[in-house]
């Protein structure tokens, strides 16, 4: 089932042809899909060391610019990350089999995290602290927030949140959630920006033997509200482990609350949008909202 109304389809045979035509040096590499790997890209393994990523929606011009910008961000994040992260390798051109530019990155081994796989782990919480600290240590070099998506002013999400509440009437306790958002949206913004991954959901984190082993999807690495990466605590950790994460990073109360607000904003969209097309993503939204509502500090406001 398609996740997006305008979603493109691409199969293994098309990927094989695109790789062979545009990158003949990799004709010998086996091509195989990575099931359920992304909501924005279809992802295919190329041999043991690479992945080919094909955007599922969009227009060629803007996608090309996005991929070029993401390549720079990926390299910067990989240099700073305390665990392996994909590096950009090449950009592919549109073709009749796929009308959008596409990219090749290095493959990072590991098991994709889930909302519950490390939820009680103080050790994993400590790994997240080291990750966020390492990314924040990167100099913003005077760069400003891009102004699109999460990480700016919470109130900029009002229209989207209204849509989410409307779509979730039969799925979630909307009255309670709407009241919580009314308080969250008024939180003062960040005084200074920091470099953040920007999407630390379980699907973008790899684990091995219960520890953080890799970080994926770093194309959004850039300057935002520092609290944006605190969403990891709500998406992945239950109360005790989340307390370890909070203590390790040491955010003030306002930053911690903004982090919960960004997690809330993201989770509200996941539940209804992916209800039928990607049930694990929808379930992630539900579990994150439940953690927020059950929190003695945030949910009881």
Protein backbone atom coordinates (compact mmCIF):
# COMPACT_ATOMS: atom_id res chain seq x y z
CA UNK A 1 0.00 0.00 0.00
CA UNK A 2 1.30 3.45 -0.92
CA UNK A 3 2.18 5.82 1.93
CA UNK A 4 1.68 9.00 -0.15
CA UNK A 5 -0.93 9.88 -2.77
CA UNK A 6 1.74 10.90 -5.31
CA UNK A 7 4.18 8.13 -4.45
CA UNK A 8 6.35 6.74 -7.24
CA UNK A 9 7.02 3.04 -7.68
CA UNK A 10 10.44 1.58 -8.32
CA UNK A 11 11.44 -2.06 -8.41
CA UNK A 12 14.63 -4.08 -8.26
CA UNK A 13 14.84 -4.42 -12.05
CA UNK A 14 14.67 -0.66 -12.56
CA UNK A 15 17.35 -0.08 -9.96
CA UNK A 16 19.55 -2.66 -11.64
CA UNK A 17 19.24 -0.86 -14.97
CA UNK A 18 19.83 2.60 -13.50
CA UNK A 19 22.95 1.48 -11.67
CA UNK A 20 24.30 -0.39 -14.69
CA UNK A 21 23.69 2.53 -17.04
CA UNK A 22 24.97 5.33 -14.82
CA UNK A 23 27.59 3.57 -12.71
CA UNK A 24 28.99 0.68 -14.77
CA UNK A 25 31.78 0.17 -12.26
CA UNK A 26 29.15 -1.29 -9.92
CA UNK A 27 27.47 -3.65 -12.38
CA UNK A 28 28.73 -6.64 -10.44
CA UNK A 29 27.08 -5.60 -7.17
CA UNK A 30 23.92 -7.44 -6.17
CA UNK A 31 20.79 -5.30 -5.85
CA UNK A 32 18.18 -6.07 -3.22
CA UNK A 33 15.47 -3.98 -1.56
CA UNK A 34 15.57 -2.93 2.08
CA UNK A 35 11.95 -3.58 3.16
CA UNK A 36 10.18 -0.89 5.16
CA UNK A 37 13.33 1.21 5.40
CA UNK A 38 11.94 4.66 4.76
CA UNK A 39 8.92 6.87 4.31
CA UNK A 40 10.65 9.35 1.99
CA UNK A 41 12.88 7.07 -0.07
CA UNK A 42 12.82 3.55 -1.48
CA UNK A 43 16.14 2.03 -0.41
CA UNK A 44 18.09 -0.78 -2.06
CA UNK A 45 21.32 -2.48 -1.01
CA UNK A 46 24.15 -2.41 -3.54
CA UNK A 47 26.51 -5.21 -2.64
CA UNK A 48 27.73 -5.11 0.95
CA UNK A 49 28.95 -1.52 1.15
CA UNK A 50 26.40 0.82 -0.47
CA UNK A 51 22.74 1.78 -0.62
CA UNK A 52 20.81 3.40 -3.46
CA UNK A 53 18.07 5.77 -2.31
CA UNK A 54 15.20 6.78 -4.58
CA UNK A 55 12.87 9.64 -3.55
CA UNK A 56 9.23 8.57 -3.53
CA UNK A 57 7.70 11.99 -4.18
CA UNK A 58 8.63 15.44 -5.41
CA UNK A 59 9.84 17.30 -8.50
CA UNK A 60 13.19 16.82 -10.18
CA UNK A 61 14.56 20.35 -9.72
CA UNK A 62 13.91 20.76 -6.01
CA UNK A 63 14.90 17.14 -5.33
CA UNK A 64 18.27 17.66 -7.05
CA UNK A 65 19.00 20.67 -4.88
CA UNK A 66 17.87 18.78 -1.77
CA UNK A 67 20.18 15.86 -2.55
CA UNK A 68 23.15 18.16 -3.07
CA UNK A 69 22.44 19.91 0.21
CA UNK A 70 21.93 16.59 2.01
CA UNK A 71 25.26 15.27 0.73
CA UNK A 72 27.08 18.15 2.42
CA UNK A 73 25.11 17.59 5.64
CA UNK A 74 25.72 13.84 5.61
CA UNK A 75 29.47 14.29 5.35
CA UNK A 76 29.50 16.85 8.14
CA UNK A 77 27.43 14.64 10.43
CA UNK A 78 29.54 11.55 9.69
CA UNK A 79 32.67 13.47 10.64
CA UNK A 80 31.18 14.45 14.00
CA UNK A 81 29.17 11.37 14.89
CA UNK A 82 30.58 9.11 17.66
CA UNK A 83 29.20 6.05 15.85
CA UNK A 84 29.18 5.24 12.12
CA UNK A 85 26.85 7.24 9.85
CA UNK A 86 26.34 6.99 6.08
CA UNK A 87 28.55 9.07 3.81
CA UNK A 88 27.53 10.37 0.39
CA UNK A 89 29.05 8.47 -2.53
CA UNK A 90 27.33 9.56 -5.76
CA UNK A 91 24.25 11.23 -7.23
CA UNK A 92 22.19 9.52 -9.90
CA UNK A 93 20.26 11.25 -12.66
CA UNK A 94 16.53 11.00 -13.51
CA UNK A 95 15.56 8.37 -16.05
CA UNK A 96 12.39 7.08 -17.66
CA UNK A 97 12.30 4.36 -14.99
CA UNK A 98 12.51 6.93 -12.20
CA UNK A 99 11.88 10.60 -13.01
CA UNK A 100 13.74 12.00 -9.99
CA UNK A 101 17.41 12.31 -9.07
CA UNK A 102 18.63 9.69 -6.62
CA UNK A 103 21.65 9.05 -4.44
CA UNK A 104 24.14 6.42 -3.32
CA UNK A 105 25.46 6.28 0.24
CA UNK A 106 27.58 3.94 2.29
CA UNK A 107 25.82 1.12 4.12
CA UNK A 108 25.97 1.00 7.93
CA UNK A 109 25.35 -2.42 9.55
CA UNK A 110 23.15 -2.83 12.58
CA UNK A 111 19.60 -3.54 13.70
CA UNK A 112 17.07 -0.74 13.42
CA UNK A 113 15.82 0.35 16.83
CA UNK A 114 12.14 0.20 17.77
CA UNK A 115 10.14 2.19 20.35
CA UNK A 116 10.60 -0.67 22.84
CA UNK A 117 13.88 -2.42 21.95
CA UNK A 118 16.05 -0.30 24.27
CA UNK A 119 13.35 1.55 26.20
CA UNK A 120 14.63 0.49 29.64
CA UNK A 121 18.35 0.78 28.90
CA UNK A 122 20.34 3.32 30.90
CA UNK A 123 23.37 2.39 28.78
CA UNK A 124 21.57 3.28 25.57
CA UNK A 125 20.35 6.51 27.15
CA UNK A 126 23.98 7.31 27.84
CA UNK A 127 24.83 6.58 24.21
CA UNK A 128 22.18 9.08 23.14
CA UNK A 129 23.69 11.69 25.45
CA UNK A 130 27.10 11.23 23.80
CA UNK A 131 25.52 11.45 20.35
CA UNK A 132 23.60 14.67 21.01
CA UNK A 133 26.59 16.25 22.74
CA UNK A 134 28.90 15.38 19.83
CA UNK A 135 26.52 16.90 17.30
CA UNK A 136 26.06 20.04 19.38
CA UNK A 137 29.83 20.45 19.54
CA UNK A 138 29.90 21.13 15.79
CA UNK A 139 30.25 24.85 15.06
CA UNK A 140 27.16 26.36 13.41
CA UNK A 141 29.54 28.75 11.61
CA UNK A 142 26.91 31.44 11.82
CA UNK A 143 24.35 29.43 9.88
CA UNK A 144 20.67 30.12 10.52
CA UNK A 145 17.71 27.78 10.79
CA UNK A 146 16.36 27.05 7.32
CA UNK A 147 12.84 27.97 8.34
CA UNK A 148 11.22 24.75 7.11
CA UNK A 149 9.95 21.92 9.30
CA UNK A 150 10.64 21.19 12.94
CA UNK A 151 13.17 23.16 14.90
CA UNK A 152 11.92 26.75 14.64
CA UNK A 153 8.88 28.35 16.27
CA UNK A 154 6.39 25.83 17.64
CA UNK A 155 3.48 28.08 16.66
CA UNK A 156 4.42 27.65 12.99
CA UNK A 157 2.97 24.13 13.32
CA UNK A 158 -0.51 25.33 14.28
CA UNK A 159 -2.11 24.67 10.90
CA UNK A 160 -0.55 21.22 10.66
CA UNK A 161 -1.61 20.38 14.20
CA UNK A 162 -5.19 21.45 13.48
CA UNK A 163 -5.17 18.96 10.60
CA UNK A 164 -3.77 16.25 12.87
CA UNK A 165 -6.40 16.80 15.54
CA UNK A 166 -9.15 16.73 12.93
CA UNK A 167 -7.85 13.53 11.36
CA UNK A 168 -7.36 11.85 14.75
CA UNK A 169 -10.84 12.32 16.20
CA UNK A 170 -11.59 8.59 16.15
CA UNK A 171 -8.04 7.49 16.93
CA UNK A 172 -6.80 9.47 19.94
CA UNK A 173 -8.04 11.45 23.00
CA UNK A 174 -8.05 14.61 20.91
CA UNK A 175 -9.52 16.98 23.52
CA UNK A 176 -6.73 16.23 25.99
CA UNK A 177 -4.07 16.35 23.28
CA UNK A 178 -5.33 19.64 21.88
CA UNK A 179 -5.28 21.20 25.34
CA UNK A 180 -1.70 20.02 25.82
CA UNK A 181 -0.65 21.53 22.49
CA UNK A 182 -2.22 24.85 23.44
CA UNK A 183 0.24 25.00 26.32
CA UNK A 184 3.19 23.66 24.36
CA UNK A 185 2.87 26.09 21.47
CA UNK A 186 3.36 29.04 23.83
CA UNK A 187 6.76 27.88 25.08
CA UNK A 188 9.45 30.51 24.43
CA UNK A 189 11.87 29.70 21.64
CA UNK A 190 15.54 28.82 21.92
CA UNK A 191 17.95 31.60 22.75
CA UNK A 192 20.67 30.14 20.54
CA UNK A 193 20.77 27.48 17.83
CA UNK A 194 22.83 24.28 17.86
CA UNK A 195 23.61 21.63 15.29
CA UNK A 196 21.07 18.81 15.45
CA UNK A 197 20.31 15.64 13.54
CA UNK A 198 16.69 16.73 13.42
CA UNK A 199 14.96 13.35 13.17
CA UNK A 200 16.15 11.03 15.94
CA UNK A 201 13.33 8.51 15.65
CA UNK A 202 13.92 4.77 16.21
CA UNK A 203 14.08 4.06 12.47
CA UNK A 204 17.13 6.30 12.14
CA UNK A 205 19.13 4.64 14.91
CA UNK A 206 20.95 1.31 14.68
CA UNK A 207 21.71 -0.91 17.65
CA UNK A 208 24.03 -3.82 18.29
CA UNK A 209 23.92 -5.78 21.54
CA UNK A 210 21.73 -3.10 23.05
CA UNK A 211 24.06 -0.20 22.31
CA UNK A 212 23.96 2.57 19.72
CA UNK A 213 25.77 1.33 16.60
CA UNK A 214 24.85 3.79 13.86
CA UNK A 215 22.89 6.90 12.93
CA UNK A 216 20.96 7.12 9.65
CA UNK A 217 19.21 9.78 7.60
CA UNK A 218 21.48 12.66 8.53
CA UNK A 219 20.68 14.83 5.53
CA UNK A 220 18.88 17.33 7.75
CA UNK A 221 21.90 17.94 9.98
CA UNK A 222 21.95 21.66 10.63
CA UNK A 223 21.30 24.51 13.07
CA UNK A 224 17.95 24.41 14.89
CA UNK A 225 16.40 24.73 18.30
CA UNK A 226 18.76 22.53 20.41
CA UNK A 227 15.77 20.80 21.98
CA UNK A 228 14.86 19.14 18.68
CA UNK A 229 17.15 16.16 19.28
CA UNK A 230 15.57 15.60 22.69
CA UNK A 231 12.72 13.89 20.82
CA UNK A 232 14.85 10.73 21.03
CA UNK A 233 14.07 10.49 24.73
CA UNK A 234 10.33 10.38 24.06
CA UNK A 235 10.44 8.15 20.98
CA UNK A 236 12.78 5.52 22.46
CA UNK A 237 12.94 5.62 26.25
CA UNK A 238 10.61 4.88 29.13
CA UNK A 239 10.60 7.06 32.23
CA UNK A 240 13.66 5.76 34.11
CA UNK A 241 15.94 5.63 31.07
CA UNK A 242 14.60 8.99 29.90
CA UNK A 243 15.61 10.44 33.27
CA UNK A 244 19.17 9.21 32.63
CA UNK A 245 19.10 10.91 29.22
CA UNK A 246 17.86 14.16 30.76
CA UNK A 247 20.39 14.14 33.57
CA UNK A 248 23.24 13.36 31.20
CA UNK A 249 22.46 16.23 28.85
CA UNK A 250 21.43 18.66 31.56
CA UNK A 251 18.87 20.76 29.66
CA UNK A 252 17.01 23.40 31.62
CA UNK A 253 13.31 22.85 32.20
CA UNK A 254 12.27 25.02 29.27
CA UNK A 255 14.47 23.16 26.79
CA UNK A 256 13.21 19.82 28.10
CA UNK A 257 9.60 20.92 27.63
CA UNK A 258 10.30 22.14 24.09
CA UNK A 259 11.84 18.77 23.30
CA UNK A 260 8.62 17.10 24.45
CA UNK A 261 6.66 19.55 22.30
CA UNK A 262 8.65 18.65 19.17
CA UNK A 263 8.15 14.95 19.89
CA UNK A 264 4.44 15.61 20.37
CA UNK A 265 4.22 17.55 17.10
CA UNK A 266 5.89 14.72 15.20
CA UNK A 267 3.94 11.92 16.86
CA UNK A 268 0.55 13.52 16.18
CA UNK A 269 1.21 13.33 12.45
CA UNK A 270 2.45 9.74 12.49
CA UNK A 271 -0.66 8.18 14.02
CA UNK A 272 -3.26 9.11 11.41
CA UNK A 273 -1.07 9.65 8.32
CA UNK A 274 0.47 6.17 8.44
CA UNK A 275 -2.46 4.34 10.05
CA UNK A 276 -3.01 2.03 7.07
CA UNK A 277 0.07 2.50 4.88
CA UNK A 278 2.81 2.07 7.53
CA UNK A 279 1.44 0.64 10.79
CA UNK A 280 4.83 0.60 12.60
CA UNK A 281 5.19 4.36 12.07
CA UNK A 282 1.64 4.90 13.28
CA UNK A 283 2.40 2.77 16.34
CA UNK A 284 5.50 4.90 17.02
CA UNK A 285 3.29 7.97 17.16
CA UNK A 286 0.97 6.29 19.64
CA UNK A 287 3.75 5.11 21.94
CA UNK A 288 5.41 8.54 21.95
CA UNK A 289 2.13 10.28 22.78
CA UNK A 290 1.50 7.77 25.55
CA UNK A 291 4.91 8.49 27.09
CA UNK A 292 4.22 12.22 26.98
CA UNK A 293 0.74 11.91 28.47
CA UNK A 294 1.98 9.56 31.19
CA UNK A 295 4.84 11.83 32.19
CA UNK A 296 4.24 13.36 35.63
CA UNK A 297 5.72 16.68 34.57
CA UNK A 298 4.67 17.16 30.94
CA UNK A 299 1.43 15.21 30.70
CA UNK A 300 0.01 16.51 33.96
CA UNK A 301 0.25 20.18 33.00
